[in-house]
Amino acid sequence: MIDANCKLLFQGDSITDAGRIREQSDHLGQGYAMMIAAWFTALYPHMNVTFLNRGISGNRTCDLVERWDRDCLDLKPDVVSILIGINDTWRAVDQKMLTSPGQFEKNYRHLLQKTVDKLDARLIVLEPFLLPNQACYSEMRKDLNPKIEVARALAREFSTVFVPLDGMFQAACSRVPAEIWSGDGIHLTPAGNALLAQAWLEEVLA
């Protein structure tokens, strides 16, 4: 999945962004992307993999579509890891900016198809997730569940690596309080980022 000397790009919203310094093109932020890069490099330093992060806080799938040429295709990555979807739900609930499951699928399919067509890059789809300590959990869950199904279906269709995060976090929250993993049900604590990074590495390196 990951070859020596390849370039791997993380894409998504604030969960991926994680405070990265935009002026530093190689800055990975303080979240799961940084943890994955650190662990992978520690395990396989001889592989000389380049990791890039272009997650932007607040992004929905439509925002990724708008900037995909600049922030993905122009970088010519060999592997693209995408975590997107929660803002398509969150903005529908708090600002009534609706993204139907059909539009979500159209946007996401555009990203995957264009990447395959233009780059022949390998793809990693991360399942969007929501922890039960979100204030609008029930309302958001109704909107998010169909989008999770879309992500799963597209991962099957495009034969991507798929990282199943929603069930993982639900199981983790059954053992300890959700606040261990996320303060607001969306943005991750260091422990939540570590759990996500571990799941990513397990799937990608399987």
C-alpha atoms as a PDB file:
ATOM      1  CA  MET A   1       0.000   0.000   0.000  1.00  0.00           C
ATOM      2  CA  ILE A   2       2.796   2.415   0.926  1.00  0.00           C
ATOM      3  CA  ASP A   3       5.971   2.132  -1.128  1.00  0.00           C
ATOM      4  CA  ALA A   4       9.440   3.477  -0.441  1.00  0.00           C
ATOM      5  CA  ASN A   5       9.958   7.123  -1.425  1.00  0.00           C
ATOM      6  CA  CYS A   6       6.251   7.708  -1.970  1.00  0.00           C
ATOM      7  CA  LYS A   7       4.226  10.796  -1.057  1.00  0.00           C
ATOM      8  CA  LEU A   8       1.179  10.417   1.190  1.00  0.00           C
ATOM      9  CA  LEU A   9      -1.410  13.170   1.509  1.00  0.00           C
ATOM     10  CA  PHE A  10      -3.896  13.589   4.370  1.00  0.00           C
ATOM     11  CA  GLN A  11      -7.070  15.460   3.410  1.00  0.00           C
ATOM     12  CA  GLY A  12     -10.140  16.544   5.324  1.00  0.00           C
ATOM     13  CA  ASP A  13     -11.521  19.079   7.782  1.00  0.00           C
ATOM     14  CA  SER A  14     -10.529  20.278  11.260  1.00  0.00           C
ATOM     15  CA  ILE A  15      -9.964  16.752  12.574  1.00  0.00           C
ATOM     16  CA  THR A  16      -7.212  16.369   9.996  1.00  0.00           C
ATOM     17  CA  ASP A  17      -6.115  20.016  10.084  1.00  0.00           C
ATOM     18  CA  ALA A  18      -5.473  19.833  13.847  1.00  0.00           C
ATOM     19  CA  GLY A  19      -3.807  23.238  14.051  1.00  0.00           C
ATOM     20  CA  ARG A  20      -1.307  22.796  11.245  1.00  0.00           C
ATOM     21  CA  ILE A  21       0.723  25.865  10.304  1.00  0.00           C
ATOM     22  CA  ARG A  22      -0.418  26.716   6.760  1.00  0.00           C
ATOM     23  CA  GLU A  23       2.740  28.693   5.970  1.00  0.00           C
ATOM     24  CA  GLN A  24       4.835  25.564   6.472  1.00  0.00           C
ATOM     25  CA  SER A  25       4.007  23.211   3.625  1.00  0.00           C
ATOM     26  CA  ASP A  26       5.305  20.159   5.479  1.00  0.00           C
ATOM     27  CA  HIS A  27       3.613  20.910   8.829  1.00  0.00           C
ATOM     28  CA  LEU A  28       1.320  18.059   9.866  1.00  0.00           C
ATOM     29  CA  GLY A  29      -0.595  19.665  12.737  1.00  0.00           C
ATOM     30  CA  GLN A  30      -0.999  18.134  16.169  1.00  0.00           C
ATOM     31  CA  GLY A  31      -3.513  15.398  15.403  1.00  0.00           C
ATOM     32  CA  TYR A  32      -3.726  11.912  13.963  1.00  0.00           C
ATOM     33  CA  ALA A  33      -1.819  12.813  10.765  1.00  0.00           C
ATOM     34  CA  MET A  34       1.239  13.790  12.772  1.00  0.00           C
ATOM     35  CA  MET A  35       0.935  10.655  14.921  1.00  0.00           C
ATOM     36  CA  ILE A  36       0.641   8.377  11.898  1.00  0.00           C
ATOM     37  CA  ALA A  37       3.653   9.977  10.215  1.00  0.00           C
ATOM     38  CA  ALA A  38       5.696   9.740  13.410  1.00  0.00           C
ATOM     39  CA  TRP A  39       4.860   6.098  14.101  1.00  0.00           C
ATOM     40  CA  PHE A  40       5.280   5.020  10.479  1.00  0.00           C
ATOM     41  CA  THR A  41       8.642   6.738  10.180  1.00  0.00           C
ATOM     42  CA  ALA A  42       9.805   5.283  13.488  1.00  0.00           C
ATOM     43  CA  LEU A  43       8.868   1.795  12.310  1.00  0.00           C
ATOM     44  CA  TYR A  44      10.114   2.148   8.715  1.00  0.00           C
ATOM     45  CA  PRO A  45      12.699   4.950   8.581  1.00  0.00           C
ATOM     46  CA  HIS A  46      14.395   3.395   5.542  1.00  0.00           C
ATOM     47  CA  MET A  47      11.264   3.859   3.402  1.00  0.00           C
ATOM     48  CA  ASN A  48      11.689   7.647   3.208  1.00  0.00           C
ATOM     49  CA  VAL A  49       7.942   8.377   2.913  1.00  0.00           C
ATOM     50  CA  THR A  50       6.900  12.036   2.591  1.00  0.00           C
ATOM     51  CA  PHE A  51       3.769  12.977   4.532  1.00  0.00           C
ATOM     52  CA  LEU A  52       1.682  16.062   3.703  1.00  0.00           C
ATOM     53  CA  ASN A  53      -1.424  17.486   5.385  1.00  0.00           C
ATOM     54  CA  ARG A  54      -3.911  19.737   3.605  1.00  0.00           C
ATOM     55  CA  GLY A  55      -6.886  19.398   5.951  1.00  0.00           C
ATOM     56  CA  ILE A  56      -8.791  22.668   6.433  1.00  0.00           C
ATOM     57  CA  SER A  57     -11.017  23.351   9.416  1.00  0.00           C
ATOM     58  CA  GLY A  58     -14.704  23.702   8.594  1.00  0.00           C
ATOM     59  CA  ASN A  59     -14.529  21.999   5.211  1.00  0.00           C
ATOM     60  CA  ARG A  60     -17.403  20.011   3.741  1.00  0.00           C
ATOM     61  CA  THR A  61     -17.211  17.714   0.724  1.00  0.00           C
ATOM     62  CA  CYS A  62     -18.139  20.647  -1.535  1.00  0.00           C
ATOM     63  CA  ASP A  63     -15.106  22.565  -0.244  1.00  0.00           C
ATOM     64  CA  LEU A  64     -12.808  19.660  -1.068  1.00  0.00           C
ATOM     65  CA  VAL A  65     -14.268  19.521  -4.569  1.00  0.00           C
ATOM     66  CA  GLU A  66     -13.541  23.229  -5.024  1.00  0.00           C
ATOM     67  CA  ARG A  67      -9.883  22.983  -3.962  1.00  0.00           C
ATOM     68  CA  TRP A  68      -9.020  19.437  -5.069  1.00  0.00           C
ATOM     69  CA  ASP A  69      -6.841  20.431  -8.014  1.00  0.00           C
ATOM     70  CA  ARG A  70      -4.712  22.797  -5.944  1.00  0.00           C
ATOM     71  CA  ASP A  71      -4.547  20.838  -2.703  1.00  0.00           C
ATOM     72  CA  CYS A  72      -4.407  17.295  -4.056  1.00  0.00           C
ATOM     73  CA  LEU A  73      -3.790  16.760  -7.759  1.00  0.00           C
ATOM     74  CA  ASP A  74      -1.119  19.452  -8.104  1.00  0.00           C
ATOM     75  CA  LEU A  75       0.825  17.857  -5.230  1.00  0.00           C
ATOM     76  CA  LYS A  76       0.959  14.542  -7.125  1.00  0.00           C
ATOM     77  CA  PRO A  77       0.600  12.236  -4.101  1.00  0.00           C
ATOM     78  CA  ASP A  78       0.944   8.482  -4.490  1.00  0.00           C
ATOM     79  CA  VAL A  79      -1.483   7.795  -1.630  1.00  0.00           C
ATOM     80  CA  VAL A  80      -4.439   9.947  -0.536  1.00  0.00           C
ATOM     81  CA  SER A  81      -6.096   9.514   2.871  1.00  0.00           C
ATOM     82  CA  ILE A  82      -9.483  11.267   3.221  1.00  0.00           C
ATOM     83  CA  LEU A  83     -11.553  11.963   6.334  1.00  0.00           C
ATOM     84  CA  ILE A  84     -14.567  14.121   5.475  1.00  0.00           C
ATOM     85  CA  GLY A  85     -18.273  14.260   6.252  1.00  0.00           C
ATOM     86  CA  ILE A  86     -18.946  15.534   9.751  1.00  0.00           C
ATOM     87  CA  ASN A  87     -19.256  19.165   8.631  1.00  0.00           C
ATOM     88  CA  ASP A  88     -21.750  18.154   5.948  1.00  0.00           C
ATOM     89  CA  THR A  89     -23.842  17.028   8.912  1.00  0.00           C
ATOM     90  CA  TRP A  90     -22.919  19.732  11.436  1.00  0.00           C
ATOM     91  CA  ARG A  91     -23.681  22.627   9.063  1.00  0.00           C
ATOM     92  CA  ALA A  92     -27.020  21.013   8.215  1.00  0.00           C
ATOM     93  CA  VAL A  93     -27.952  21.063  11.902  1.00  0.00           C
ATOM     94  CA  ASP A  94     -26.542  24.385  13.119  1.00  0.00           C
ATOM     95  CA  GLN A  95     -26.801  26.531   9.967  1.00  0.00           C
ATOM     96  CA  LYS A  96     -29.382  24.653   7.872  1.00  0.00           C
ATOM     97  CA  MET A  97     -26.818  24.260   5.066  1.00  0.00           C
ATOM     98  CA  LEU A  98     -28.126  20.917   3.899  1.00  0.00           C
ATOM     99  CA  THR A  99     -26.074  18.325   2.045  1.00  0.00           C
ATOM    100  CA  SER A 100     -28.329  15.461   1.009  1.00  0.00           C
ATOM    101  CA  PRO A 101     -26.930  11.923   0.948  1.00  0.00           C
ATOM    102  CA  GLY A 102     -27.164  12.111  -2.852  1.00  0.00           C
ATOM    103  CA  GLN A 103     -25.143  15.315  -3.037  1.00  0.00           C
ATOM    104  CA  PHE A 104     -22.659  13.947  -0.505  1.00  0.00           C
ATOM    105  CA  GLU A 105     -22.178  10.892  -2.703  1.00  0.00           C
ATOM    106  CA  LYS A 106     -21.781  13.029  -5.831  1.00  0.00           C
ATOM    107  CA  ASN A 107     -19.128  15.205  -4.156  1.00  0.00           C
ATOM    108  CA  TYR A 108     -17.220  12.294  -2.649  1.00  0.00           C
ATOM    109  CA  ARG A 109     -17.355  10.270  -5.863  1.00  0.00           C
ATOM    110  CA  HIS A 110     -15.944  13.270  -7.746  1.00  0.00           C
ATOM    111  CA  LEU A 111     -12.941  13.377  -5.401  1.00  0.00           C
ATOM    112  CA  LEU A 112     -12.215   9.683  -5.677  1.00  0.00           C
ATOM    113  CA  GLN A 113     -12.791   9.383  -9.420  1.00  0.00           C
ATOM    114  CA  LYS A 114     -10.723  12.438 -10.278  1.00  0.00           C
ATOM    115  CA  THR A 115      -7.862  11.195  -8.118  1.00  0.00           C
ATOM    116  CA  VAL A 116      -7.872   7.788  -9.749  1.00  0.00           C
ATOM    117  CA  ASP A 117      -8.167   9.249 -13.247  1.00  0.00           C
ATOM    118  CA  LYS A 118      -5.543  11.971 -12.923  1.00  0.00           C
ATOM    119  CA  LEU A 119      -3.023  10.344 -10.613  1.00  0.00           C
ATOM    120  CA  ASP A 120      -3.756   6.638 -10.377  1.00  0.00           C
ATOM    121  CA  ALA A 121      -3.138   7.180  -6.664  1.00  0.00           C
ATOM    122  CA  ARG A 122      -4.053   4.664  -3.999  1.00  0.00           C
ATOM    123  CA  LEU A 123      -6.924   5.747  -1.762  1.00  0.00           C
ATOM    124  CA  ILE A 124      -7.710   5.454   1.932  1.00  0.00           C
ATOM    125  CA  VAL A 125     -11.250   6.346   3.040  1.00  0.00           C
ATOM    126  CA  LEU A 126     -11.781   7.104   6.715  1.00  0.00           C
ATOM    127  CA  GLU A 127     -15.301   6.653   8.033  1.00  0.00           C
ATOM    128  CA  PRO A 128     -16.838   9.860   9.451  1.00  0.00           C
ATOM    129  CA  PHE A 129     -17.794   9.506  13.092  1.00  0.00           C
ATOM    130  CA  LEU A 130     -19.697  11.144  15.947  1.00  0.00           C
ATOM    131  CA  LEU A 131     -19.251  10.477  19.651  1.00  0.00           C
ATOM    132  CA  PRO A 132     -22.272  10.457  21.999  1.00  0.00           C
ATOM    133  CA  ASN A 133     -21.231  13.520  24.019  1.00  0.00           C
ATOM    134  CA  GLN A 134     -22.149  15.887  21.166  1.00  0.00           C
ATOM    135  CA  ALA A 135     -24.851  18.322  22.343  1.00  0.00           C
ATOM    136  CA  CYS A 136     -26.961  17.694  19.192  1.00  0.00           C
ATOM    137  CA  TYR A 137     -26.078  14.012  19.027  1.00  0.00           C
ATOM    138  CA  SER A 138     -29.511  12.570  18.157  1.00  0.00           C
ATOM    139  CA  GLU A 139     -30.241  15.149  15.459  1.00  0.00           C
ATOM    140  CA  MET A 140     -26.758  14.879  13.965  1.00  0.00           C
ATOM    141  CA  ARG A 141     -26.795  11.099  14.078  1.00  0.00           C
ATOM    142  CA  LYS A 142     -29.901  10.966  11.875  1.00  0.00           C
ATOM    143  CA  ASP A 143     -28.130  13.059   9.242  1.00  0.00           C
ATOM    144  CA  LEU A 144     -24.737  11.379   9.528  1.00  0.00           C
ATOM    145  CA  ASN A 145     -25.762   7.730   9.337  1.00  0.00           C
ATOM    146  CA  PRO A 146     -26.716   7.825   5.621  1.00  0.00           C
ATOM    147  CA  LYS A 147     -23.445   9.618   4.865  1.00  0.00           C
ATOM    148  CA  ILE A 148     -21.507   6.895   6.667  1.00  0.00           C
ATOM    149  CA  GLU A 149     -23.247   4.358   4.419  1.00  0.00           C
ATOM    150  CA  VAL A 150     -22.208   6.394   1.370  1.00  0.00           C
ATOM    151  CA  ALA A 151     -18.571   6.393   2.501  1.00  0.00           C
ATOM    152  CA  ARG A 152     -18.679   2.641   3.016  1.00  0.00           C
ATOM    153  CA  ALA A 153     -20.272   2.018  -0.378  1.00  0.00           C
ATOM    154  CA  LEU A 154     -17.770   4.216  -2.200  1.00  0.00           C
ATOM    155  CA  ALA A 155     -14.864   2.523  -0.450  1.00  0.00           C
ATOM    156  CA  ARG A 156     -16.164  -0.821  -1.732  1.00  0.00           C
ATOM    157  CA  GLU A 157     -16.775   0.524  -5.232  1.00  0.00           C
ATOM    158  CA  PHE A 158     -13.313   2.064  -5.546  1.00  0.00           C
ATOM    159  CA  SER A 159     -11.574  -0.809  -3.699  1.00  0.00           C
ATOM    160  CA  THR A 160      -9.950   1.586  -1.251  1.00  0.00           C
ATOM    161  CA  VAL A 161      -8.503   0.834   2.137  1.00  0.00           C
ATOM    162  CA  PHE A 162     -11.344   1.610   4.552  1.00  0.00           C
ATOM    163  CA  VAL A 163     -10.820   2.643   8.174  1.00  0.00           C
ATOM    164  CA  PRO A 164     -14.049   1.998  10.162  1.00  0.00           C
ATOM    165  CA  LEU A 165     -13.993   4.697  12.821  1.00  0.00           C
ATOM    166  CA  ASP A 166     -17.590   5.246  13.936  1.00  0.00           C
ATOM    167  CA  GLY A 167     -18.079   1.814  15.425  1.00  0.00           C
ATOM    168  CA  MET A 168     -14.607   1.932  16.936  1.00  0.00           C
ATOM    169  CA  PHE A 169     -15.361   5.157  18.805  1.00  0.00           C
ATOM    170  CA  GLN A 170     -18.803   3.922  19.876  1.00  0.00           C
ATOM    171  CA  ALA A 171     -17.143   0.832  21.366  1.00  0.00           C
ATOM    172  CA  ALA A 172     -14.467   2.960  23.033  1.00  0.00           C
ATOM    173  CA  CYS A 173     -17.164   5.167  24.599  1.00  0.00           C
ATOM    174  CA  SER A 174     -18.860   2.101  26.053  1.00  0.00           C
ATOM    175  CA  ARG A 175     -15.749   1.412  28.122  1.00  0.00           C
ATOM    176  CA  VAL A 176     -14.825   4.892  29.349  1.00  0.00           C
ATOM    177  CA  PRO A 177     -16.419   8.357  29.183  1.00  0.00           C
ATOM    178  CA  ALA A 178     -16.550   9.878  25.702  1.00  0.00           C
ATOM    179  CA  GLU A 179     -14.618  12.897  27.000  1.00  0.00           C
ATOM    180  CA  ILE A 180     -11.496  10.736  27.076  1.00  0.00           C
ATOM    181  CA  TRP A 181     -11.613  10.695  23.275  1.00  0.00           C
ATOM    182  CA  SER A 182     -13.317  13.994  22.396  1.00  0.00           C
ATOM    183  CA  GLY A 183     -14.438  17.084  24.255  1.00  0.00           C
ATOM    184  CA  ASP A 184     -17.355  17.837  21.917  1.00  0.00           C
ATOM    185  CA  GLY A 185     -18.060  14.538  20.196  1.00  0.00           C
ATOM    186  CA  ILE A 186     -16.210  15.629  17.027  1.00  0.00           C
ATOM    187  CA  HIS A 187     -12.754  17.080  17.687  1.00  0.00           C
ATOM    188  CA  LEU A 188     -10.353  14.604  19.208  1.00  0.00           C
ATOM    189  CA  THR A 189      -8.224  14.723  22.326  1.00  0.00           C
ATOM    190  CA  PRO A 190      -4.640  13.427  22.119  1.00  0.00           C
ATOM    191  CA  ALA A 191      -5.966  10.021  23.210  1.00  0.00           C
ATOM    192  CA  GLY A 192      -8.665  10.141  20.520  1.00  0.00           C
ATOM    193  CA  ASN A 193      -6.106  11.035  17.875  1.00  0.00           C
ATOM    194  CA  ALA A 194      -3.899   8.177  19.046  1.00  0.00           C
ATOM    195  CA  LEU A 195      -6.810   5.738  18.818  1.00  0.00           C
ATOM    196  CA  LEU A 196      -7.571   6.917  15.275  1.00  0.00           C
ATOM    197  CA  ALA A 197      -3.915   6.727  14.254  1.00  0.00           C
ATOM    198  CA  GLN A 198      -3.689   3.194  15.611  1.00  0.00           C
ATOM    199  CA  ALA A 199      -6.771   2.140  13.626  1.00  0.00           C
ATOM    200  CA  TRP A 200      -5.366   3.740  10.454  1.00  0.00           C
ATOM    201  CA  LEU A 201      -2.031   1.967  10.797  1.00  0.00           C
ATOM    202  CA  GLU A 202      -3.698  -1.368  11.473  1.00  0.00           C
ATOM    203  CA  GLU A 203      -5.804  -1.140   8.310  1.00  0.00           C
ATOM    204  CA  VAL A 204      -3.152   0.341   6.031  1.00  0.00           C
ATOM    205  CA  LEU A 205      -0.378  -2.007   7.143  1.00  0.00           C
ATOM    206  CA  ALA A 206      -2.565  -5.110   7.237  1.00  0.00           C
END
